[in-house]
């Protein structure tokens, strides 16, 4: 079982001047990630456009196969690595979602996920929640799962992914201050309690009224944090080891010791 090397891009700081600038930063990050041997590059929530969009989100949203996706596909194929990026998605009916798309190393689309748990008045005003809780893809023999930010603050979606076989959970985010407890405590706890790797990639800097906390990380199923960013722009590179996951699940038997017949009140 060969480890999967991944890169987490926390940046760039602040509001992007345009989608073109975001794509230029992505190309530079992909070049660095590929040079470090990464097979997957993950960006933050709403990476292409910035988070604090307000009413402009309706104009900036695009289909899953829109120009942003095609540009990301070219970058992925050029550098031979998969890319997961956040963007505002518009479907054929004009509905806008907060989405995460995963493009493969050959430039083909692997998966698209729409955020199911929207945070606060801002997101609930401008986005519609998705309805598909488990979205997965395969990369180099590792099963990837997709969630976004607030989703992982609920134990249920993460546990559902673990039960569906997810080994590495991708979670781009736009976490604001003063909620640093999420990357510092909750993310490692989620990886431990559901026995999977969790890649959590935050925004940094300030956009409008939002001040983002940074602190992106890769949390492992043994409860350790394998890589951690500070408050500013950073590119983390770390390995996701399937052998570690297998050993951790053998030692920590949360998943097999569950008694779901006792939990029916949860639904």
Protein backbone atom coordinates (compact mmCIF):
# COMPACT_ATOMS: atom_id res chain seq x y z
CA UNK A 1 0.00 0.00 0.00
CA UNK A 2 1.73 3.12 -1.28
CA UNK A 3 1.10 6.41 0.58
CA UNK A 4 -0.77 9.09 -1.33
CA UNK A 5 1.08 12.41 -1.16
CA UNK A 6 -1.25 15.39 -1.01
CA UNK A 7 -0.79 19.16 -0.97
CA UNK A 8 -3.06 21.56 0.92
CA UNK A 9 -3.06 25.12 -0.43
CA UNK A 10 -4.03 27.71 2.18
CA UNK A 11 -4.16 30.85 0.11
CA UNK A 12 -3.95 33.27 -1.39
CA UNK A 13 -4.78 35.67 1.42
CA UNK A 14 -7.69 38.07 1.08
CA UNK A 15 -10.16 38.65 -1.74
CA UNK A 16 -9.01 37.47 -5.19
CA UNK A 17 -9.09 40.25 -7.75
CA UNK A 18 -10.62 37.89 -10.30
CA UNK A 19 -11.12 34.25 -11.15
CA UNK A 20 -8.13 34.60 -13.49
CA UNK A 21 -5.96 35.59 -10.54
CA UNK A 22 -7.22 32.59 -8.56
CA UNK A 23 -6.35 30.31 -11.47
CA UNK A 24 -2.87 31.82 -11.74
CA UNK A 25 -2.28 31.18 -8.04
CA UNK A 26 -3.61 27.65 -8.48
CA UNK A 27 -1.22 26.99 -11.36
CA UNK A 28 1.72 28.17 -9.25
CA UNK A 29 0.61 25.98 -6.32
CA UNK A 30 0.15 22.99 -8.63
CA UNK A 31 3.67 23.45 -9.98
CA UNK A 32 5.10 23.45 -6.46
CA UNK A 33 2.93 20.53 -5.36
CA UNK A 34 3.89 18.40 -8.35
CA UNK A 35 7.58 19.18 -7.79
CA UNK A 36 7.16 17.87 -4.23
CA UNK A 37 5.67 14.63 -5.52
CA UNK A 38 2.03 15.33 -4.67
CA UNK A 39 -0.70 13.49 -6.53
CA UNK A 40 -3.53 15.64 -5.18
CA UNK A 41 -3.84 19.37 -4.53
CA UNK A 42 -6.74 20.62 -2.40
CA UNK A 43 -7.77 24.28 -2.17
CA UNK A 44 -10.20 26.07 0.13
CA UNK A 45 -13.93 26.77 0.05
CA UNK A 46 -15.11 28.92 -2.89
CA UNK A 47 -11.50 29.14 -4.00
CA UNK A 48 -12.16 30.32 -7.54
CA UNK A 49 -14.14 33.43 -6.62
CA UNK A 50 -13.49 34.20 -2.96
CA UNK A 51 -15.95 33.67 -0.14
CA UNK A 52 -17.43 37.12 0.62
CA UNK A 53 -19.33 37.47 -2.64
CA UNK A 54 -22.70 38.79 -1.53
CA UNK A 55 -25.22 39.20 -4.37
CA UNK A 56 -22.36 38.88 -6.90
CA UNK A 57 -22.34 35.13 -6.32
CA UNK A 58 -25.24 34.83 -8.76
CA UNK A 59 -23.14 36.39 -11.53
CA UNK A 60 -19.97 34.45 -10.71
CA UNK A 61 -21.58 31.01 -10.36
CA UNK A 62 -21.00 28.63 -13.27
CA UNK A 63 -21.88 25.06 -14.26
CA UNK A 64 -19.75 22.15 -13.11
CA UNK A 65 -18.37 21.94 -16.65
CA UNK A 66 -17.96 25.71 -17.03
CA UNK A 67 -14.88 27.76 -17.92
CA UNK A 68 -13.42 27.51 -14.42
CA UNK A 69 -13.60 23.72 -14.51
CA UNK A 70 -11.98 23.62 -17.94
CA UNK A 71 -9.14 25.87 -16.76
CA UNK A 72 -8.58 23.74 -13.65
CA UNK A 73 -8.59 20.61 -15.83
CA UNK A 74 -5.80 22.06 -17.97
CA UNK A 75 -3.73 22.81 -14.86
CA UNK A 76 -4.32 19.32 -13.48
CA UNK A 77 -3.34 17.64 -16.74
CA UNK A 78 -0.28 19.85 -17.21
CA UNK A 79 1.11 18.92 -13.80
CA UNK A 80 -0.22 15.37 -13.58
CA UNK A 81 -2.05 15.72 -10.28
CA UNK A 82 -5.66 15.75 -9.17
CA UNK A 83 -7.12 19.06 -7.99
CA UNK A 84 -10.01 19.64 -5.63
CA UNK A 85 -11.30 23.21 -5.69
CA UNK A 86 -14.22 25.15 -4.25
CA UNK A 87 -16.50 27.24 -6.46
CA UNK A 88 -20.08 28.58 -6.70
CA UNK A 89 -22.02 26.22 -8.94
CA UNK A 90 -25.12 27.08 -10.97
CA UNK A 91 -27.26 24.21 -12.23
CA UNK A 92 -29.49 24.16 -15.29
CA UNK A 93 -32.42 25.59 -13.32
CA UNK A 94 -30.36 28.55 -12.08
CA UNK A 95 -29.99 27.25 -8.51
CA UNK A 96 -26.67 28.21 -6.87
CA UNK A 97 -24.71 25.80 -4.68
CA UNK A 98 -21.50 26.02 -2.66
CA UNK A 99 -19.58 23.22 -4.35
CA UNK A 100 -16.37 21.23 -4.39
CA UNK A 101 -15.19 19.67 -7.64
CA UNK A 102 -12.46 17.05 -7.97
CA UNK A 103 -10.58 16.90 -11.27
CA UNK A 104 -8.34 13.92 -12.02
CA UNK A 105 -4.64 14.03 -12.98
CA UNK A 106 -5.61 13.59 -16.64
CA UNK A 107 -8.01 16.53 -16.53
CA UNK A 108 -11.24 14.52 -16.33
CA UNK A 109 -13.91 15.25 -13.74
CA UNK A 110 -14.00 12.71 -10.89
CA UNK A 111 -16.66 14.05 -8.52
CA UNK A 112 -18.73 17.12 -7.67
CA UNK A 113 -20.23 17.77 -4.23
CA UNK A 114 -22.70 20.44 -3.09
CA UNK A 115 -22.42 21.60 0.53
CA UNK A 116 -25.26 20.12 2.55
CA UNK A 117 -24.94 22.10 5.82
CA UNK A 118 -24.96 25.85 5.17
CA UNK A 119 -23.53 28.15 7.84
CA UNK A 120 -25.19 31.33 9.03
CA UNK A 121 -27.35 33.96 7.41
CA UNK A 122 -24.85 34.73 4.64
CA UNK A 123 -24.69 31.23 3.18
CA UNK A 124 -28.38 30.54 3.67
CA UNK A 125 -29.23 33.75 1.80
CA UNK A 126 -27.15 33.10 -1.31
CA UNK A 127 -26.85 29.31 -1.60
CA UNK A 128 -29.14 26.29 -1.71
CA UNK A 129 -28.05 23.25 0.33
CA UNK A 130 -27.14 20.10 -1.55
CA UNK A 131 -29.04 16.88 -1.03
CA UNK A 132 -26.44 14.17 -1.74
CA UNK A 133 -24.57 13.37 1.49
CA UNK A 134 -21.98 10.88 0.23
CA UNK A 135 -19.89 11.77 -2.82
CA UNK A 136 -16.73 9.74 -3.41
CA UNK A 137 -13.98 9.13 -5.95
CA UNK A 138 -10.91 6.91 -6.30
CA UNK A 139 -7.35 8.15 -6.71
CA UNK A 140 -4.33 5.81 -6.79
CA UNK A 141 -6.28 3.15 -4.93
CA UNK A 142 -7.44 5.50 -2.14
CA UNK A 143 -11.14 6.20 -1.70
CA UNK A 144 -11.73 9.92 -1.34
CA UNK A 145 -14.82 11.54 0.16
CA UNK A 146 -15.98 15.14 -0.28
CA UNK A 147 -17.46 17.51 2.33
CA UNK A 148 -17.22 21.29 2.83
CA UNK A 149 -16.43 23.28 5.98
CA UNK A 150 -19.48 23.30 8.29
CA UNK A 151 -20.36 19.77 7.18
CA UNK A 152 -17.53 18.29 9.23
CA UNK A 153 -18.65 20.07 12.40
CA UNK A 154 -21.44 17.49 12.52
CA UNK A 155 -20.25 13.99 13.43
CA UNK A 156 -22.94 12.30 11.33
CA UNK A 157 -21.67 13.18 7.81
CA UNK A 158 -18.11 12.18 8.71
CA UNK A 159 -19.24 8.88 10.24
CA UNK A 160 -21.43 8.22 7.20
CA UNK A 161 -18.35 8.61 5.01
CA UNK A 162 -16.36 6.23 7.16
CA UNK A 163 -19.12 3.62 6.94
CA UNK A 164 -19.21 4.10 3.15
CA UNK A 165 -15.51 3.30 2.91
CA UNK A 166 -13.99 6.77 2.65
CA UNK A 167 -10.30 6.68 3.57
CA UNK A 168 -9.36 10.32 2.93
CA UNK A 169 -12.00 12.98 3.51
CA UNK A 170 -11.46 16.26 1.66
CA UNK A 171 -12.88 19.34 3.40
CA UNK A 172 -12.17 22.78 1.92
CA UNK A 173 -13.33 25.45 4.33
CA UNK A 174 -13.77 29.15 5.06
CA UNK A 175 -13.59 29.12 8.84
CA UNK A 176 -13.62 32.51 10.54
CA UNK A 177 -12.17 33.69 13.80
CA UNK A 178 -12.86 33.06 16.69
CA UNK A 179 -13.71 29.44 15.84
CA UNK A 180 -10.15 28.10 15.90
CA UNK A 181 -11.41 25.24 18.06
CA UNK A 182 -12.60 23.55 14.86
CA UNK A 183 -9.19 22.91 13.21
CA UNK A 184 -7.41 22.61 16.53
CA UNK A 185 -9.76 20.18 18.27
CA UNK A 186 -12.78 19.07 16.23
CA UNK A 187 -10.96 18.07 13.03
CA UNK A 188 -8.48 15.73 14.77
CA UNK A 189 -11.36 14.34 16.85
CA UNK A 190 -13.41 13.61 13.73
CA UNK A 191 -10.47 11.76 12.15
CA UNK A 192 -10.01 9.73 15.33
CA UNK A 193 -13.65 8.89 16.08
CA UNK A 194 -14.48 7.92 12.48
CA UNK A 195 -11.09 6.40 11.67
CA UNK A 196 -10.10 8.17 8.47
CA UNK A 197 -7.68 10.81 7.22
CA UNK A 198 -9.15 14.32 7.05
CA UNK A 199 -7.67 17.07 4.89
CA UNK A 200 -9.01 20.44 6.07
CA UNK A 201 -7.99 23.47 3.97
CA UNK A 202 -9.00 26.91 5.18
CA UNK A 203 -8.95 30.40 3.73
CA UNK A 204 -6.69 33.04 5.26
CA UNK A 205 -6.66 36.82 5.49
CA UNK A 206 -9.71 39.09 5.49
CA UNK A 207 -12.65 39.46 3.11
CA UNK A 208 -15.19 42.09 4.02
CA UNK A 209 -16.47 41.34 7.53
CA UNK A 210 -14.88 37.88 7.54
CA UNK A 211 -11.47 37.23 9.09
CA UNK A 212 -10.34 33.70 8.31
CA UNK A 213 -8.40 31.62 10.82
CA UNK A 214 -6.09 29.58 8.58
CA UNK A 215 -4.76 26.57 10.53
CA UNK A 216 -5.28 24.12 7.65
CA UNK A 217 -4.26 20.60 8.55
CA UNK A 218 -4.09 16.93 7.69
CA UNK A 219 -5.45 14.88 10.60
CA UNK A 220 -4.75 11.15 10.77
CA UNK A 221 -6.93 8.32 12.15
CA UNK A 222 -4.49 7.75 15.01
CA UNK A 223 -5.34 11.20 16.38
CA UNK A 224 -2.17 12.92 15.21
CA UNK A 225 -1.94 16.00 12.99
CA UNK A 226 0.52 15.24 10.19
CA UNK A 227 0.76 18.79 8.86
CA UNK A 228 -0.43 22.17 10.14
CA UNK A 229 -0.41 25.67 8.64
CA UNK A 230 -0.32 28.94 10.54
CA UNK A 231 -2.50 31.98 9.90
CA UNK A 232 -1.01 33.04 6.55
CA UNK A 233 -0.60 31.68 3.04
CA UNK A 234 1.01 28.24 2.98
CA UNK A 235 1.34 25.05 0.95
CA UNK A 236 1.46 21.91 3.08
CA UNK A 237 2.65 18.60 1.68
CA UNK A 238 2.05 15.36 3.59
CA UNK A 239 1.43 11.65 3.02
CA UNK A 240 -1.81 9.75 3.52
CA UNK A 241 -0.74 6.22 4.44
CA UNK A 242 -3.28 3.40 3.83
CA UNK A 243 -1.19 1.10 6.05
CA UNK A 244 -1.58 3.53 8.95
CA UNK A 245 -5.33 3.59 8.40
CA UNK A 246 -5.53 -0.23 8.37
CA UNK A 247 -3.49 -0.51 11.57
CA UNK A 248 -5.44 2.25 13.29
CA UNK A 249 -8.81 0.67 12.44
CA UNK A 250 -7.57 -2.67 13.76
CA UNK A 251 -6.56 -1.08 17.07
CA UNK A 252 -9.45 1.38 17.41
CA UNK A 253 -12.65 -0.55 16.78
CA UNK A 254 -15.21 2.26 16.95
CA UNK A 255 -16.68 1.33 13.55
CA UNK A 256 -17.16 -2.36 14.31
CA UNK A 257 -18.28 -1.84 17.94
CA UNK A 258 -21.18 0.42 17.01
CA UNK A 259 -24.73 -0.63 17.96
CA UNK A 260 -26.85 1.23 15.40
CA UNK A 261 -30.07 -0.37 16.65
CA UNK A 262 -29.73 1.88 19.70
CA UNK A 263 -29.35 5.08 17.69
CA UNK A 264 -32.69 5.20 15.90
CA UNK A 265 -33.73 8.27 17.87
CA UNK A 266 -31.06 10.22 16.00
CA UNK A 267 -33.21 10.14 12.87
